[in-house]
Amino acid sequence: MLIQKSIKKLLEKRGAVVTALSSGKEAIIEMSNNNYDRVICDLMLQDVTGFDVIEESKKKYTLEEISKLFVIITAYNSTQVLDKASNYGCLVLSKPFENINEAIDQFFQ
């Protein structure tokens, strides 16, 4: 939650409108009902994984759109996780961040 709050605050300081959710199921519903420029999704959520959220987003977005839309943040940067993320073309950022502002910069690329 601390990382989520920090990222939200830093993004809002840069002028972004942020919806922060901690439930993957809530995120899936929000994404089906709204459009977002970027989705920053932790790999390990309370109820599902970030990959589950991406899979559900395939109902609305193409794989090309998903690759530009999603950023996965995770403390689990195993080869298996990185390989799966590369199948979606998503940017993966490892926690803890060495510099959170540099991590935030990558969300805007």
Protein backbone atom coordinates (compact mmCIF):
# COMPACT_ATOMS: atom_id res chain seq x y z
CA MET A 1 0.00 0.00 0.00
CA LEU A 2 2.85 2.40 0.73
CA ILE A 3 4.27 2.01 -2.77
CA GLN A 4 0.79 2.45 -4.26
CA LYS A 5 0.21 5.66 -2.29
CA SER A 6 3.66 7.00 -3.18
CA ILE A 7 3.23 6.30 -6.89
CA LYS A 8 -0.26 7.84 -6.86
CA LYS A 9 0.98 10.99 -5.16
CA LEU A 10 3.97 11.38 -7.50
CA LEU A 11 1.84 10.82 -10.61
CA GLU A 12 -0.73 13.36 -9.43
CA LYS A 13 2.06 15.91 -8.86
CA ARG A 14 2.89 15.47 -12.54
CA GLY A 15 -0.72 16.17 -13.50
CA ALA A 16 -1.98 12.63 -13.98
CA VAL A 17 -5.48 11.63 -12.93
CA VAL A 18 -5.05 8.42 -10.95
CA THR A 19 -7.45 5.69 -9.92
CA ALA A 20 -5.81 3.45 -7.31
CA LEU A 21 -7.24 0.05 -6.50
CA SER A 22 -5.81 -2.82 -4.49
CA SER A 23 -8.09 -5.54 -5.83
CA GLY A 24 -7.44 -7.11 -9.19
CA LYS A 25 -11.13 -7.89 -9.62
CA GLU A 26 -11.98 -4.22 -9.05
CA ALA A 27 -9.32 -3.26 -11.59
CA ILE A 28 -10.82 -5.61 -14.18
CA ILE A 29 -14.25 -4.03 -13.72
CA GLU A 30 -12.81 -0.50 -13.87
CA MET A 31 -10.87 -1.28 -17.03
CA SER A 32 -13.92 -2.72 -18.75
CA ASN A 33 -15.93 0.42 -17.97
CA ASN A 34 -13.28 3.11 -18.49
CA ASN A 35 -10.33 3.98 -20.71
CA TYR A 36 -6.87 4.59 -19.30
CA ASP A 37 -3.64 5.90 -20.78
CA ARG A 38 -1.54 3.65 -18.56
CA VAL A 39 -2.21 0.81 -16.14
CA ILE A 40 0.39 0.23 -13.45
CA CYS A 41 -0.27 -3.17 -11.99
CA ASP A 42 1.54 -5.03 -9.26
CA LEU A 43 2.09 -8.67 -10.09
CA MET A 44 0.88 -9.90 -6.70
CA LEU A 45 -2.53 -8.50 -5.82
CA GLN A 46 -4.87 -9.45 -2.99
CA ASP A 47 -7.13 -11.65 -5.07
CA VAL A 48 -5.58 -12.36 -8.48
CA THR A 49 -2.27 -11.74 -10.24
CA GLY A 50 -1.39 -8.85 -12.48
CA PHE A 51 -1.21 -11.36 -15.32
CA ASP A 52 -4.84 -12.28 -14.63
CA VAL A 53 -5.75 -8.60 -15.01
CA ILE A 54 -3.88 -8.47 -18.33
CA GLU A 55 -5.60 -11.63 -19.55
CA GLU A 56 -9.00 -10.12 -18.78
CA SER A 57 -8.01 -6.90 -20.57
CA LYS A 58 -7.69 -8.94 -23.79
CA LYS A 59 -11.48 -8.70 -24.00
CA LYS A 60 -11.10 -4.98 -24.67
CA TYR A 61 -7.55 -4.41 -25.93
CA THR A 62 -5.30 -5.93 -28.57
CA LEU A 63 -1.92 -7.33 -27.58
CA GLU A 64 -0.26 -4.28 -29.13
CA GLU A 65 -2.44 -1.98 -27.01
CA ILE A 66 -1.71 -4.07 -23.91
CA SER A 67 2.03 -3.75 -24.49
CA LYS A 68 1.73 0.05 -24.47
CA LEU A 69 -0.87 0.23 -21.70
CA PHE A 70 0.51 -1.98 -18.92
CA VAL A 71 3.45 -1.55 -16.59
CA ILE A 72 4.02 -4.47 -14.24
CA ILE A 73 5.75 -3.81 -10.93
CA THR A 74 7.03 -6.75 -8.96
CA ALA A 75 9.47 -7.93 -6.36
CA TYR A 76 9.45 -11.32 -8.11
CA ASN A 77 11.66 -10.75 -11.13
CA SER A 78 12.42 -14.39 -11.88
CA THR A 79 13.12 -15.53 -15.42
CA GLN A 80 9.64 -17.08 -15.54
CA VAL A 81 7.96 -13.78 -14.60
CA LEU A 82 10.06 -11.77 -17.05
CA ASP A 83 9.37 -14.26 -19.85
CA LYS A 84 5.63 -14.15 -19.24
CA ALA A 85 5.67 -10.33 -19.16
CA SER A 86 7.63 -10.27 -22.42
CA ASN A 87 4.83 -12.32 -24.02
CA TYR A 88 2.58 -9.34 -23.37
CA GLY A 89 5.28 -6.82 -24.30
CA CYS A 90 4.81 -5.04 -20.97
CA LEU A 91 7.38 -2.95 -19.20
CA VAL A 92 8.44 -4.64 -15.95
CA LEU A 93 9.87 -2.64 -13.05
CA SER A 94 11.45 -4.42 -10.12
CA LYS A 95 10.71 -3.43 -6.53
CA PRO A 96 12.11 -2.00 -4.47
CA PHE A 97 12.85 0.90 -6.78
CA GLU A 98 16.34 2.33 -6.55
CA ASN A 99 14.89 5.72 -7.44
CA ILE A 100 11.10 6.05 -7.47
CA ASN A 101 11.21 9.22 -9.58
CA GLU A 102 13.16 7.40 -12.29
CA ALA A 103 10.60 4.59 -12.13
CA ILE A 104 7.79 7.13 -12.52
CA ASP A 105 9.58 8.63 -15.55
CA GLN A 106 9.30 5.25 -17.28
CA PHE A 107 5.50 5.29 -16.92
CA PHE A 108 5.41 8.28 -19.25
CA GLN A 109 7.47 6.75 -22.05
